[in-house]
Amino acid sequence: MREIKFRAWDKEKKIMFDEDNQEYNVEIPLGGAFCVFQEGMDRGNEEFILLQYTGLKDKNGKEIYEGDIVKTPFNPEKVVMRLGCWFVEMGKELGYYEEIEVLGNIYENPELMNGKE
């Protein structure tokens, strides 16, 4: 069974809140899962974008989240959810690639998309 986890992009502060960010201090129930966020963060607040964990890891063991930019055999591509499956933006299922690597994400590293969005 896939672990259900989230991280959140703070649009105002331009900070990604995830398990590596030490500013966590509030647990917010989220559809049976718990997402831990900064004090005062409201899951319904439009200041934050929730990004779900795909349940997959890249070739280096890094967790892959929605909005991540991954290196494919062709170009860096964005990870998206479509039709209940995780895909890279070019339409291939994420699991199709054996040697993918997370390069960054569309919020902290938009330059990796070379002007695509």
PDB file of N, CA and C in Angstrom:
ATOM      1  N   MET A   1       0.841  -1.183   0.000  1.00  0.00           N
ATOM      2  CA  MET A   1       0.000   0.000   0.000  1.00  0.00           C
ATOM      3  C   MET A   1       0.888   1.248   0.000  1.00  0.00           C
ATOM      4  N   ARG A   2       0.533   2.231  -0.813  1.00  0.00           N
ATOM      5  CA  ARG A   2       1.311   3.455  -0.937  1.00  0.00           C
ATOM      6  C   ARG A   2       1.137   4.343   0.285  1.00  0.00           C
ATOM      7  N   GLU A   3       2.257   4.858   0.768  1.00  0.00           N
ATOM      8  CA  GLU A   3       2.235   5.802   1.876  1.00  0.00           C
ATOM      9  C   GLU A   3       1.656   7.120   1.382  1.00  0.00           C
ATOM     10  N   ILE A   4       0.687   7.668   2.110  1.00  0.00           N
ATOM     11  CA  ILE A   4       0.070   8.933   1.717  1.00  0.00           C
ATOM     12  C   ILE A   4       0.742  10.046   2.499  1.00  0.00           C
ATOM     13  N   LYS A   5       1.458  10.904   1.763  1.00  0.00           N
ATOM     14  CA  LYS A   5       2.173  12.024   2.367  1.00  0.00           C
ATOM     15  C   LYS A   5       1.994  13.248   1.484  1.00  0.00           C
ATOM     16  N   PHE A   6       2.166  14.396   2.078  1.00  0.00           N
ATOM     17  CA  PHE A   6       2.072  15.661   1.362  1.00  0.00           C
ATOM     18  C   PHE A   6       3.222  16.569   1.775  1.00  0.00           C
ATOM     19  N   ARG A   7       3.492  17.539   0.939  1.00  0.00           N
ATOM     20  CA  ARG A   7       4.316  18.681   1.318  1.00  0.00           C
ATOM     21  C   ARG A   7       3.543  19.901   0.825  1.00  0.00           C
ATOM     22  N   ALA A   8       3.945  21.079   1.251  1.00  0.00           N
ATOM     23  CA  ALA A   8       3.183  22.281   0.898  1.00  0.00           C
ATOM     24  C   ALA A   8       4.117  23.405   0.482  1.00  0.00           C
ATOM     25  N   TRP A   9       3.750  24.109  -0.583  1.00  0.00           N
ATOM     26  CA  TRP A   9       4.477  25.278  -1.053  1.00  0.00           C
ATOM     27  C   TRP A   9       3.769  26.514  -0.512  1.00  0.00           C
ATOM     28  N   ASP A  10       4.485  27.322   0.245  1.00  0.00           N
ATOM     29  CA  ASP A  10       3.969  28.582   0.780  1.00  0.00           C
ATOM     30  C   ASP A  10       4.199  29.642  -0.281  1.00  0.00           C
ATOM     31  N   LYS A  11       3.110  30.087  -0.923  1.00  0.00           N
ATOM     32  CA  LYS A  11       3.216  31.059  -2.021  1.00  0.00           C
ATOM     33  C   LYS A  11       3.794  32.390  -1.559  1.00  0.00           C
ATOM     34  N   GLU A  12       3.447  32.808  -0.350  1.00  0.00           N
ATOM     35  CA  GLU A  12       3.892  34.103   0.145  1.00  0.00           C
ATOM     36  C   GLU A  12       5.369  34.090   0.538  1.00  0.00           C
ATOM     37  N   LYS A  13       5.762  33.096   1.339  1.00  0.00           N
ATOM     38  CA  LYS A  13       7.132  33.037   1.842  1.00  0.00           C
ATOM     39  C   LYS A  13       8.097  32.358   0.875  1.00  0.00           C
ATOM     40  N   LYS A  14       7.537  31.702  -0.163  1.00  0.00           N
ATOM     41  CA  LYS A  14       8.359  30.979  -1.148  1.00  0.00           C
ATOM     42  C   LYS A  14       9.214  29.914  -0.460  1.00  0.00           C
ATOM     43  N   ILE A  15       8.556  29.136   0.407  1.00  0.00           N
ATOM     44  CA  ILE A  15       9.218  28.068   1.158  1.00  0.00           C
ATOM     45  C   ILE A  15       8.450  26.769   0.948  1.00  0.00           C
ATOM     46  N   MET A  16       9.181  25.665   0.784  1.00  0.00           N
ATOM     47  CA  MET A  16       8.564  24.346   0.705  1.00  0.00           C
ATOM     48  C   MET A  16       8.589  23.739   2.101  1.00  0.00           C
ATOM     49  N   PHE A  17       7.426  23.378   2.615  1.00  0.00           N
ATOM     50  CA  PHE A  17       7.328  22.721   3.907  1.00  0.00           C
ATOM     51  C   PHE A  17       7.219  21.223   3.666  1.00  0.00           C
ATOM     52  N   ASP A  18       8.247  20.491   4.065  1.00  0.00           N
ATOM     53  CA  ASP A  18       8.251  19.044   3.959  1.00  0.00           C
ATOM     54  C   ASP A  18       8.980  18.473   5.156  1.00  0.00           C
ATOM     55  N   GLU A  19       9.208  17.169   5.176  1.00  0.00           N
ATOM     56  CA  GLU A  19       9.800  16.557   6.368  1.00  0.00           C
ATOM     57  C   GLU A  19      11.216  17.028   6.652  1.00  0.00           C
ATOM     58  N   ASP A  20      11.882  17.635   5.667  1.00  0.00           N
ATOM     59  CA  ASP A  20      13.228  18.157   5.890  1.00  0.00           C
ATOM     60  C   ASP A  20      13.216  19.559   6.496  1.00  0.00           C
ATOM     61  N   ASN A  21      12.076  20.228   6.439  1.00  0.00           N
ATOM     62  CA  ASN A  21      11.947  21.583   6.962  1.00  0.00           C
ATOM     63  C   ASN A  21      11.679  21.501   8.470  1.00  0.00           C
ATOM     64  N   GLN A  22      12.499  22.104   9.263  1.00  0.00           N
ATOM     65  CA  GLN A  22      12.408  22.003  10.718  1.00  0.00           C
ATOM     66  C   GLN A  22      11.375  22.952  11.333  1.00  0.00           C
ATOM     67  N   GLU A  23      10.605  23.678  10.503  1.00  0.00           N
ATOM     68  CA  GLU A  23       9.631  24.621  11.044  1.00  0.00           C
ATOM     69  C   GLU A  23       8.265  23.981  11.306  1.00  0.00           C
ATOM     70  N   TYR A  24       8.153  22.674  11.169  1.00  0.00           N
ATOM     71  CA  TYR A  24       6.892  21.991  11.435  1.00  0.00           C
ATOM     72  C   TYR A  24       6.548  22.056  12.908  1.00  0.00           C
ATOM     73  N   ASN A  25       5.285  22.244  13.203  1.00  0.00           N
ATOM     74  CA  ASN A  25       4.880  22.080  14.587  1.00  0.00           C
ATOM     75  C   ASN A  25       3.379  21.859  14.751  1.00  0.00           C
ATOM     76  N   VAL A  26       2.637  21.660  13.698  1.00  0.00           N
ATOM     77  CA  VAL A  26       1.199  21.420  13.791  1.00  0.00           C
ATOM     78  C   VAL A  26       0.846  20.254  12.875  1.00  0.00           C
ATOM     79  N   GLU A  27       0.048  19.318  13.384  1.00  0.00           N
ATOM     80  CA  GLU A  27      -0.434  18.236  12.539  1.00  0.00           C
ATOM     81  C   GLU A  27      -1.853  18.558  12.096  1.00  0.00           C
ATOM     82  N   ILE A  28      -2.114  18.446  10.800  1.00  0.00           N
ATOM     83  CA  ILE A  28      -3.432  18.721  10.251  1.00  0.00           C
ATOM     84  C   ILE A  28      -3.954  17.439   9.618  1.00  0.00           C
ATOM     85  N   PRO A  29      -5.103  16.901  10.091  1.00  0.00           N
ATOM     86  CA  PRO A  29      -5.629  15.694   9.464  1.00  0.00           C
ATOM     87  C   PRO A  29      -6.039  15.995   8.021  1.00  0.00           C
ATOM     88  N   LEU A  30      -5.717  15.105   7.114  1.00  0.00           N
ATOM     89  CA  LEU A  30      -5.962  15.347   5.700  1.00  0.00           C
ATOM     90  C   LEU A  30      -6.427  14.046   5.059  1.00  0.00           C
ATOM     91  N   GLY A  31      -7.720  13.783   5.089  1.00  0.00           N
ATOM     92  CA  GLY A  31      -8.258  12.584   4.468  1.00  0.00           C
ATOM     93  C   GLY A  31      -7.667  11.297   5.004  1.00  0.00           C
ATOM     94  N   GLY A  32      -7.520  11.183   6.298  1.00  0.00           N
ATOM     95  CA  GLY A  32      -6.991   9.961   6.889  1.00  0.00           C
ATOM     96  C   GLY A  32      -5.484   9.991   7.069  1.00  0.00           C
ATOM     97  N   ALA A  33      -4.796  10.901   6.390  1.00  0.00           N
ATOM     98  CA  ALA A  33      -3.347  11.051   6.550  1.00  0.00           C
ATOM     99  C   ALA A  33      -3.112  12.282   7.424  1.00  0.00           C
ATOM    100  N   PHE A  34      -1.933  12.421   7.918  1.00  0.00           N
ATOM    101  CA  PHE A  34      -1.602  13.625   8.662  1.00  0.00           C
ATOM    102  C   PHE A  34      -0.502  14.364   7.937  1.00  0.00           C
ATOM    103  N   CYS A  35      -0.715  15.624   7.736  1.00  0.00           N
ATOM    104  CA  CYS A  35       0.268  16.479   7.091  1.00  0.00           C
ATOM    105  C   CYS A  35       0.724  17.468   8.155  1.00  0.00           C
ATOM    106  N   VAL A  36       2.002  17.556   8.389  1.00  0.00           N
ATOM    107  CA  VAL A  36       2.525  18.410   9.450  1.00  0.00           C
ATOM    108  C   VAL A  36       2.991  19.722   8.839  1.00  0.00           C
ATOM    109  N   PHE A  37       2.464  20.824   9.350  1.00  0.00           N
ATOM    110  CA  PHE A  37       2.751  22.125   8.774  1.00  0.00           C
ATOM    111  C   PHE A  37       3.153  23.129   9.843  1.00  0.00           C
ATOM    112  N   GLN A  38       3.525  24.284   9.376  1.00  0.00           N
ATOM    113  CA  GLN A  38       3.908  25.389  10.246  1.00  0.00           C
ATOM    114  C   GLN A  38       2.688  25.892  11.022  1.00  0.00           C
ATOM    115  N   GLU A  39       2.914  26.401  12.219  1.00  0.00           N
ATOM    116  CA  GLU A  39       1.864  26.990  13.043  1.00  0.00           C
ATOM    117  C   GLU A  39       1.053  27.995  12.231  1.00  0.00           C
ATOM    118  N   GLY A  40      -0.250  27.891  12.288  1.00  0.00           N
ATOM    119  CA  GLY A  40      -1.116  28.839  11.606  1.00  0.00           C
ATOM    120  C   GLY A  40      -1.429  28.488  10.168  1.00  0.00           C
ATOM    121  N   MET A  41      -0.811  27.464   9.609  1.00  0.00           N
ATOM    122  CA  MET A  41      -1.093  27.096   8.222  1.00  0.00           C
ATOM    123  C   MET A  41      -2.453  26.415   8.166  1.00  0.00           C
ATOM    124  N   ASP A  42      -3.301  26.887   7.302  1.00  0.00           N
ATOM    125  CA  ASP A  42      -4.645  26.346   7.138  1.00  0.00           C
ATOM    126  C   ASP A  42      -4.692  25.584   5.829  1.00  0.00           C
ATOM    127  N   ARG A  43      -5.106  24.307   5.864  1.00  0.00           N
ATOM    128  CA  ARG A  43      -5.106  23.516   4.633  1.00  0.00           C
ATOM    129  C   ARG A  43      -6.074  24.061   3.589  1.00  0.00           C
ATOM    130  N   GLY A  44      -7.019  24.916   3.998  1.00  0.00           N
ATOM    131  CA  GLY A  44      -7.939  25.510   3.040  1.00  0.00           C
ATOM    132  C   GLY A  44      -7.468  26.875   2.567  1.00  0.00           C
ATOM    133  N   ASN A  45      -6.359  27.314   3.071  1.00  0.00           N
ATOM    134  CA  ASN A  45      -5.822  28.629   2.752  1.00  0.00           C
ATOM    135  C   ASN A  45      -5.230  28.631   1.349  1.00  0.00           C
ATOM    136  N   GLU A  46      -5.589  29.587   0.539  1.00  0.00           N
ATOM    137  CA  GLU A  46      -5.093  29.660  -0.831  1.00  0.00           C
ATOM    138  C   GLU A  46      -3.641  30.105  -0.913  1.00  0.00           C
ATOM    139  N   GLU A  47      -3.024  30.384   0.235  1.00  0.00           N
ATOM    140  CA  GLU A  47      -1.619  30.770   0.251  1.00  0.00           C
ATOM    141  C   GLU A  47      -0.700  29.566   0.100  1.00  0.00           C
ATOM    142  N   PHE A  48      -1.253  28.353   0.189  1.00  0.00           N
ATOM    143  CA  PHE A  48      -0.454  27.138   0.155  1.00  0.00           C
ATOM    144  C   PHE A  48      -0.929  26.197  -0.941  1.00  0.00           C
ATOM    145  N   ILE A  49       0.012  25.524  -1.560  1.00  0.00           N
ATOM    146  CA  ILE A  49      -0.310  24.518  -2.567  1.00  0.00           C
ATOM    147  C   ILE A  49       0.127  23.170  -2.011  1.00  0.00           C
ATOM    148  N   LEU A  50      -0.827  22.241  -1.833  1.00  0.00           N
ATOM    149  CA  LEU A  50      -0.498  20.912  -1.345  1.00  0.00           C
ATOM    150  C   LEU A  50      -0.028  20.039  -2.502  1.00  0.00           C
ATOM    151  N   LEU A  51       1.036  19.296  -2.284  1.00  0.00           N
ATOM    152  CA  LEU A  51       1.638  18.435  -3.304  1.00  0.00           C
ATOM    153  C   LEU A  51       1.746  17.028  -2.726  1.00  0.00           C
ATOM    154  N   GLN A  52       1.167  16.059  -3.438  1.00  0.00           N
ATOM    155  CA  GLN A  52       1.105  14.696  -2.926  1.00  0.00           C
ATOM    156  C   GLN A  52       2.312  13.861  -3.342  1.00  0.00           C
ATOM    157  N   TYR A  53       2.725  12.975  -2.442  1.00  0.00           N
ATOM    158  CA  TYR A  53       3.794  12.013  -2.703  1.00  0.00           C
ATOM    159  C   TYR A  53       3.272  10.949  -3.663  1.00  0.00           C
ATOM    160  N   THR A  54       4.051  10.595  -4.660  1.00  0.00           N
ATOM    161  CA  THR A  54       3.628   9.613  -5.664  1.00  0.00           C
ATOM    162  C   THR A  54       3.723   8.177  -5.170  1.00  0.00           C
ATOM    163  N   GLY A  55       4.475   7.957  -4.104  1.00  0.00           N
ATOM    164  CA  GLY A  55       4.726   6.599  -3.629  1.00  0.00           C
ATOM    165  C   GLY A  55       5.956   5.993  -4.287  1.00  0.00           C
ATOM    166  N   LEU A  56       6.596   6.756  -5.167  1.00  0.00           N
ATOM    167  CA  LEU A  56       7.784   6.284  -5.891  1.00  0.00           C
ATOM    168  C   LEU A  56       9.011   7.084  -5.483  1.00  0.00           C
ATOM    169  N   LYS A  57      10.180   6.479  -5.703  1.00  0.00           N
ATOM    170  CA  LYS A  57      11.443   7.164  -5.441  1.00  0.00           C
ATOM    171  C   LYS A  57      12.280   7.163  -6.711  1.00  0.00           C
ATOM    172  N   ASP A  58      13.158   8.148  -6.832  1.00  0.00           N
ATOM    173  CA  ASP A  58      14.027   8.213  -8.007  1.00  0.00           C
ATOM    174  C   ASP A  58      15.199   7.253  -7.840  1.00  0.00           C
ATOM    175  N   LYS A  59      16.104   7.265  -8.799  1.00  0.00           N
ATOM    176  CA  LYS A  59      17.224   6.319  -8.787  1.00  0.00           C
ATOM    177  C   LYS A  59      18.168   6.514  -7.599  1.00  0.00           C
ATOM    178  N   ASN A  60      18.081   7.683  -6.948  1.00  0.00           N
ATOM    179  CA  ASN A  60      18.914   7.972  -5.787  1.00  0.00           C
ATOM    180  C   ASN A  60      18.166   7.768  -4.469  1.00  0.00           C
ATOM    181  N   GLY A  61      16.927   7.276  -4.543  1.00  0.00           N
ATOM    182  CA  GLY A  61      16.136   7.045  -3.339  1.00  0.00           C
ATOM    183  C   GLY A  61      15.362   8.258  -2.863  1.00  0.00           C
ATOM    184  N   LYS A  62      15.364   9.347  -3.632  1.00  0.00           N
ATOM    185  CA  LYS A  62      14.631  10.564  -3.263  1.00  0.00           C
ATOM    186  C   LYS A  62      13.151  10.386  -3.602  1.00  0.00           C
ATOM    187  N   GLU A  63      12.283  10.742  -2.657  1.00  0.00           N
ATOM    188  CA  GLU A  63      10.847  10.640  -2.891  1.00  0.00           C
ATOM    189  C   GLU A  63      10.416  11.587  -4.006  1.00  0.00           C
ATOM    190  N   ILE A  64       9.483  11.133  -4.848  1.00  0.00           N
ATOM    191  CA  ILE A  64       8.982  11.930  -5.967  1.00  0.00           C
ATOM    192  C   ILE A  64       7.594  12.456  -5.611  1.00  0.00           C
ATOM    193  N   TYR A  65       7.443  13.774  -5.684  1.00  0.00           N
ATOM    194  CA  TYR A  65       6.183  14.438  -5.379  1.00  0.00           C
ATOM    195  C   TYR A  65       5.613  15.089  -6.628  1.00  0.00           C
ATOM    196  N   GLU A  66       4.307  15.316  -6.595  1.00  0.00           N
ATOM    197  CA  GLU A  66       3.631  16.108  -7.610  1.00  0.00           C
ATOM    198  C   GLU A  66       4.347  17.454  -7.697  1.00  0.00           C
ATOM    199  N   GLY A  67       4.573  17.940  -8.904  1.00  0.00           N
ATOM    200  CA  GLY A  67       5.252  19.217  -9.087  1.00  0.00           C
ATOM    201  C   GLY A  67       6.757  19.107  -9.173  1.00  0.00           C
ATOM    202  N   ASP A  68       7.302  17.905  -8.919  1.00  0.00           N
ATOM    203  CA  ASP A  68       8.741  17.728  -9.070  1.00  0.00           C
ATOM    204  C   ASP A  68       9.120  17.768 -10.545  1.00  0.00           C
ATOM    205  N   ILE A  69      10.339  18.154 -10.805  1.00  0.00           N
ATOM    206  CA  ILE A  69      10.891  18.116 -12.154  1.00  0.00           C
ATOM    207  C   ILE A  69      11.866  16.952 -12.170  1.00  0.00           C
ATOM    208  N   VAL A  70      11.616  16.015 -13.091  1.00  0.00           N
ATOM    209  CA  VAL A  70      12.462  14.823 -13.168  1.00  0.00           C
ATOM    210  C   VAL A  70      13.203  14.790 -14.491  1.00  0.00           C
ATOM    211  N   LYS A  71      14.389  14.215 -14.446  1.00  0.00           N
ATOM    212  CA  LYS A  71      15.197  14.035 -15.649  1.00  0.00           C
ATOM    213  C   LYS A  71      14.722  12.760 -16.319  1.00  0.00           C
ATOM    214  N   THR A  72      14.338  12.886 -17.581  1.00  0.00           N
ATOM    215  CA  THR A  72      13.933  11.731 -18.382  1.00  0.00           C
ATOM    216  C   THR A  72      14.985  11.550 -19.473  1.00  0.00           C
ATOM    217  N   PRO A  73      14.890  10.474 -20.258  1.00  0.00           N
ATOM    218  CA  PRO A  73      15.858  10.312 -21.344  1.00  0.00           C
ATOM    219  C   PRO A  73      15.812  11.448 -22.373  1.00  0.00           C
ATOM    220  N   PHE A  74      14.739  12.257 -22.336  1.00  0.00           N
ATOM    221  CA  PHE A  74      14.569  13.303 -23.345  1.00  0.00           C
ATOM    222  C   PHE A  74      14.810  14.700 -22.803  1.00  0.00           C
ATOM    223  N   ASN A  75      14.033  15.118 -21.826  1.00  0.00           N
ATOM    224  CA  ASN A  75      14.082  16.470 -21.272  1.00  0.00           C
ATOM    225  C   ASN A  75      13.692  16.431 -19.809  1.00  0.00           C
ATOM    226  N   PRO A  76      13.973  17.507 -19.066  1.00  0.00           N
ATOM    227  CA  PRO A  76      13.375  17.616 -17.739  1.00  0.00           C
ATOM    228  C   PRO A  76      11.864  17.782 -17.915  1.00  0.00           C
ATOM    229  N   GLU A  77      11.079  17.045 -17.141  1.00  0.00           N
ATOM    230  CA  GLU A  77       9.623  17.105 -17.236  1.00  0.00           C
ATOM    231  C   GLU A  77       9.001  17.180 -15.854  1.00  0.00           C
ATOM    232  N   LYS A  78       7.806  17.762 -15.787  1.00  0.00           N
ATOM    233  CA  LYS A  78       7.071  17.942 -14.531  1.00  0.00           C
ATOM    234  C   LYS A  78       6.246  16.694 -14.213  1.00  0.00           C
ATOM    235  N   VAL A  79       6.176  16.330 -12.926  1.00  0.00           N
ATOM    236  CA  VAL A  79       5.356  15.214 -12.462  1.00  0.00           C
ATOM    237  C   VAL A  79       3.945  15.730 -12.187  1.00  0.00           C
ATOM    238  N   VAL A  80       2.938  15.060 -12.771  1.00  0.00           N
ATOM    239  CA  VAL A  80       1.535  15.463 -12.630  1.00  0.00           C
ATOM    240  C   VAL A  80       0.661  14.240 -12.366  1.00  0.00           C
ATOM    241  N   MET A  81      -0.535  14.479 -11.817  1.00  0.00           N
ATOM    242  CA  MET A  81      -1.531  13.423 -11.628  1.00  0.00           C
ATOM    243  C   MET A  81      -2.568  13.576 -12.732  1.00  0.00           C
ATOM    244  N   ARG A  82      -2.815  12.498 -13.476  1.00  0.00           N
ATOM    245  CA  ARG A  82      -3.841  12.497 -14.522  1.00  0.00           C
ATOM    246  C   ARG A  82      -4.521  11.137 -14.537  1.00  0.00           C
ATOM    247  N   LEU A  83      -5.837  11.132 -14.611  1.00  0.00           N
ATOM    248  CA  LEU A  83      -6.605   9.897 -14.723  1.00  0.00           C
ATOM    249  C   LEU A  83      -6.250   8.892 -13.625  1.00  0.00           C
ATOM    250  N   GLY A  84      -5.957   9.402 -12.434  1.00  0.00           N
ATOM    251  CA  GLY A  84      -5.653   8.552 -11.303  1.00  0.00           C
ATOM    252  C   GLY A  84      -4.262   7.936 -11.309  1.00  0.00           C
ATOM    253  N   CYS A  85      -3.390   8.379 -12.222  1.00  0.00           N
ATOM    254  CA  CYS A  85      -2.027   7.854 -12.310  1.00  0.00           C
ATOM    255  C   CYS A  85      -1.037   9.009 -12.295  1.00  0.00           C
ATOM    256  N   TRP A  86       0.184   8.709 -11.866  1.00  0.00           N
ATOM    257  CA  TRP A  86       1.250   9.702 -11.893  1.00  0.00           C
ATOM    258  C   TRP A  86       1.950   9.631 -13.240  1.00  0.00           C
ATOM    259  N   PHE A  87       2.110  10.777 -13.876  1.00  0.00           N
ATOM    260  CA  PHE A  87       2.747  10.881 -15.180  1.00  0.00           C
ATOM    261  C   PHE A  87       3.816  11.959 -15.151  1.00  0.00           C
ATOM    262  N   VAL A  88       4.755  11.879 -16.100  1.00  0.00           N
ATOM    263  CA  VAL A  88       5.576  13.044 -16.383  1.00  0.00           C
ATOM    264  C   VAL A  88       4.802  13.808 -17.434  1.00  0.00           C
ATOM    265  N   GLU A  89       4.984  15.103 -17.503  1.00  0.00           N
ATOM    266  CA  GLU A  89       4.164  15.988 -18.327  1.00  0.00           C
ATOM    267  C   GLU A  89       4.018  15.513 -19.777  1.00  0.00           C
ATOM    268  N   MET A  90       5.046  14.858 -20.326  1.00  0.00           N
ATOM    269  CA  MET A  90       4.977  14.445 -21.727  1.00  0.00           C
ATOM    270  C   MET A  90       4.020  13.275 -21.961  1.00  0.00           C
ATOM    271  N   GLY A  91       3.374  12.763 -20.893  1.00  0.00           N
ATOM    272  CA  GLY A  91       2.339  11.764 -21.059  1.00  0.00           C
ATOM    273  C   GLY A  91       2.747  10.334 -20.760  1.00  0.00           C
ATOM    274  N   LYS A  92       3.976  10.086 -20.365  1.00  0.00           N
ATOM    275  CA  LYS A  92       4.418   8.732 -20.023  1.00  0.00           C
ATOM    276  C   LYS A  92       4.158   8.476 -18.546  1.00  0.00           C
ATOM    277  N   GLU A  93       3.715   7.257 -18.206  1.00  0.00           N
ATOM    278  CA  GLU A  93       3.529   6.923 -16.800  1.00  0.00           C
ATOM    279  C   GLU A  93       4.862   7.013 -16.079  1.00  0.00           C
ATOM    280  N   LEU A  94       4.826   7.529 -14.877  1.00  0.00           N
ATOM    281  CA  LEU A  94       6.047   7.754 -14.104  1.00  0.00           C
ATOM    282  C   LEU A  94       6.817   6.463 -13.896  1.00  0.00           C
ATOM    283  N   GLY A  95       6.120   5.369 -13.646  1.00  0.00           N
ATOM    284  CA  GLY A  95       6.776   4.092 -13.420  1.00  0.00           C
ATOM    285  C   GLY A  95       7.455   3.524 -14.661  1.00  0.00           C
ATOM    286  N   TYR A  96       7.172   4.093 -15.821  1.00  0.00           N
ATOM    287  CA  TYR A  96       7.747   3.633 -17.087  1.00  0.00           C
ATOM    288  C   TYR A  96       9.257   3.848 -17.124  1.00  0.00           C
ATOM    289  N   TYR A  97       9.711   4.901 -16.482  1.00  0.00           N
ATOM    290  CA  TYR A  97      11.134   5.220 -16.477  1.00  0.00           C
ATOM    291  C   TYR A  97      11.834   4.512 -15.327  1.00  0.00           C
ATOM    292  N   GLU A  98      12.886   3.794 -15.604  1.00  0.00           N
ATOM    293  CA  GLU A  98      13.613   3.084 -14.555  1.00  0.00           C
ATOM    294  C   GLU A  98      14.692   3.949 -13.924  1.00  0.00           C
ATOM    295  N   GLU A  99      15.245   4.860 -14.654  1.00  0.00           N
ATOM    296  CA  GLU A  99      16.385   5.646 -14.164  1.00  0.00           C
ATOM    297  C   GLU A  99      16.054   7.132 -14.049  1.00  0.00           C
ATOM    298  N   ILE A 100      14.854   7.463 -13.563  1.00  0.00           N
ATOM    299  CA  ILE A 100      14.524   8.877 -13.421  1.00  0.00           C
ATOM    300  C   ILE A 100      15.230   9.462 -12.213  1.00  0.00           C
ATOM    301  N   GLU A 101      15.413  10.772 -12.261  1.00  0.00           N
ATOM    302  CA  GLU A 101      16.097  11.472 -11.182  1.00  0.00           C
ATOM    303  C   GLU A 101      15.386  12.789 -10.927  1.00  0.00           C
ATOM    304  N   VAL A 102      15.101  13.086  -9.654  1.00  0.00           N
ATOM    305  CA  VAL A 102      14.493  14.367  -9.287  1.00  0.00           C
ATOM    306  C   VAL A 102      15.558  15.442  -9.379  1.00  0.00           C
ATOM    307  N   LEU A 103      15.270  16.480 -10.180  1.00  0.00           N
ATOM    308  CA  LEU A 103      16.194  17.604 -10.348  1.00  0.00           C
ATOM    309  C   LEU A 103      15.826  18.775  -9.443  1.00  0.00           C
ATOM    310  N   GLY A 104      14.551  18.897  -9.128  1.00  0.00           N
ATOM    311  CA  GLY A 104      14.040  20.013  -8.335  1.00  0.00           C
ATOM    312  C   GLY A 104      12.526  19.993  -8.403  1.00  0.00           C
ATOM    313  N   ASN A 105      11.909  21.165  -8.260  1.00  0.00           N
ATOM    314  CA  ASN A 105      10.456  21.251  -8.407  1.00  0.00           C
ATOM    315  C   ASN A 105      10.096  22.563  -9.084  1.00  0.00           C
ATOM    316  N   ILE A 106       8.848  22.634  -9.568  1.00  0.00           N
ATOM    317  CA  ILE A 106       8.428  23.787 -10.379  1.00  0.00           C
ATOM    318  C   ILE A 106       8.335  25.079  -9.586  1.00  0.00           C
ATOM    319  N   TYR A 107       8.322  25.008  -8.254  1.00  0.00           N
ATOM    320  CA  TYR A 107       8.200  26.206  -7.437  1.00  0.00           C
ATOM    321  C   TYR A 107       9.557  26.787  -7.061  1.00  0.00           C
ATOM    322  N   GLU A 108      10.486  25.938  -6.676  1.00  0.00           N
ATOM    323  CA  GLU A 108      11.809  26.413  -6.260  1.00  0.00           C
ATOM    324  C   GLU A 108      12.800  26.479  -7.420  1.00  0.00           C
ATOM    325  N   ASN A 109      12.549  25.731  -8.479  1.00  0.00           N
ATOM    326  CA  ASN A 109      13.486  25.638  -9.600  1.00  0.00           C
ATOM    327  C   ASN A 109      12.802  25.752 -10.957  1.00  0.00           C
ATOM    328  N   PRO A 110      11.985  26.785 -11.209  1.00  0.00           N
ATOM    329  CA  PRO A 110      11.265  26.872 -12.481  1.00  0.00           C
ATOM    330  C   PRO A 110      12.191  26.958 -13.698  1.00  0.00           C
ATOM    331  N   GLU A 111      13.412  27.428 -13.489  1.00  0.00           N
ATOM    332  CA  GLU A 111      14.364  27.549 -14.597  1.00  0.00           C
ATOM    333  C   GLU A 111      14.720  26.189 -15.202  1.00  0.00           C
ATOM    334  N   LEU A 112      14.513  25.104 -14.454  1.00  0.00           N
ATOM    335  CA  LEU A 112      14.820  23.770 -14.974  1.00  0.00           C
ATOM    336  C   LEU A 112      13.875  23.366 -16.102  1.00  0.00           C
ATOM    337  N   MET A 113      12.735  24.034 -16.210  1.00  0.00           N
ATOM    338  CA  MET A 113      11.762  23.698 -17.249  1.00  0.00           C
ATOM    339  C   MET A 113      12.044  24.427 -18.556  1.00  0.00           C
ATOM    340  N   ASN A 114      13.090  25.213 -18.610  1.00  0.00           N
ATOM    341  CA  ASN A 114      13.475  25.915 -19.839  1.00  0.00           C
ATOM    342  C   ASN A 114      12.323  26.673 -20.480  1.00  0.00           C
ATOM    343  N   GLY A 115      11.568  27.384 -19.648  1.00  0.00           N
ATOM    344  CA  GLY A 115      10.475  28.205 -20.164  1.00  0.00           C
ATOM    345  C   GLY A 115       9.166  27.457 -20.363  1.00  0.00           C
ATOM    346  N   LYS A 116       9.150  26.119 -20.188  1.00  0.00           N
ATOM    347  CA  LYS A 116       7.904  25.348 -20.301  1.00  0.00           C
ATOM    348  C   LYS A 116       7.162  25.402 -18.986  1.00  0.00           C
ATOM    349  N   GLU A 117       5.846  25.320 -19.019  1.00  0.00           N
ATOM    350  CA  GLU A 117       5.056  25.193 -17.798  1.00  0.00           C
ATOM    351  C   GLU A 117       3.733  24.612 -18.069  1.00  0.00           C
TER     352      GLU A 117
END
